């Protein structure tokens, strides 16, 4: 279970077990283990250096427990005995984010440990055909970058043109990008010899960061309208040459799943186009049969204005499938209450605590059914009360 703390990359969600690992596939593939998750929803999102997913590994695909080989573009070996499948990454840099559902009960949090202890990655040379285990609850925490609670700045505009040239050298072009790569290389080579051009590149990067990149942090500038004041993700994790939406997601919510694995809905505004603020109180009501139609699970998560969890005494950051004690209305509808002040009484189990200032709401629909995939399902209006 995740708790509120400065995050280095992306909004997190507290209703599943998360993993994150980065791998260099230059010289040797790695083996990633898939234990038997039983009836739980699970998916391993595998990303290349562009944050495009590769391979298909998870319950939506009927994947079996076993050992899966993650191989880079230059590996020419044969599938070893005992390996379930070989999944090819188009870049030498890869990462994996396993996501496994757990509900909000102490019993399930305990029950899941023995399973996730078998989610392990290691070099092919260490493969024995036997499941390895790591007791993750006893592994020391890896501290993130020092943070004052603000967004971690990974891209420095003043250095962009220098670093981008290095990236072009290690990430091969997609089919059709060869000419674009050549144009960038010519531009950077020329700028290295021309101080005025170099200054122009730096100034342009700084201006673009302010005018184009920073606005992506607002959800209304991400994806496309989903109805009732919400936006939804577009082309997530299968960007190809959709540079615009890939950049927006990298800024605001890096490492989305593919749309068929997860669909994301997000907003900074209520149904009347008023900015969400903890000084007010809000209700989100799902009419009977209108909760997100999913084969997996769904959640509504609250983030502060930095896209981080809001610390609160309940340590409650999301509501949804994981919560077994949600109270429904007499007609079967489900109302969730959002605000800095508790709604009190029986309503408190349906309450998402908000900060005093601005905040965002975010719906995740894991393994959505057709109404999610074809956009016919719309999130409900957020009503200010």
Foldseek 3Di string as FASTA:
>chain_A
DDFFDADAFFFDDDFWDKDKDKAFQPPFKKKWWAFCLDPWWKFKFKAAPLLAGWDGGTDVVVDDTFIEIEHEPPDDDDDDPRHPYYIYHDFRMMMIMMIIGFFDDPVRVVVCQVRVQQGDMDTPVPDDNDGDGDNVVPDDDDDDPDDPNAHHDPDDLQCVLVVVLVVPVRRDDDVPCPVVSVVSVVQSVVCVVPVVSSVVSSVVSVVCCVPQQVVLQAQVLAAADLDLQKHKHDCRSNCRPVVRNSSSCRRHGRNDHGLQFKIKIKHQAFSVRHGDFQQFKKKFKQAVPQDFAAPHWKKKFKFASNSTADHDPVSDGIDIPSDPLQDADPNRMGMAMEHQDAPDDNNNSRYHHDDRTTMMMMMMGGSGDPCSVVSVRGGGGIGTD
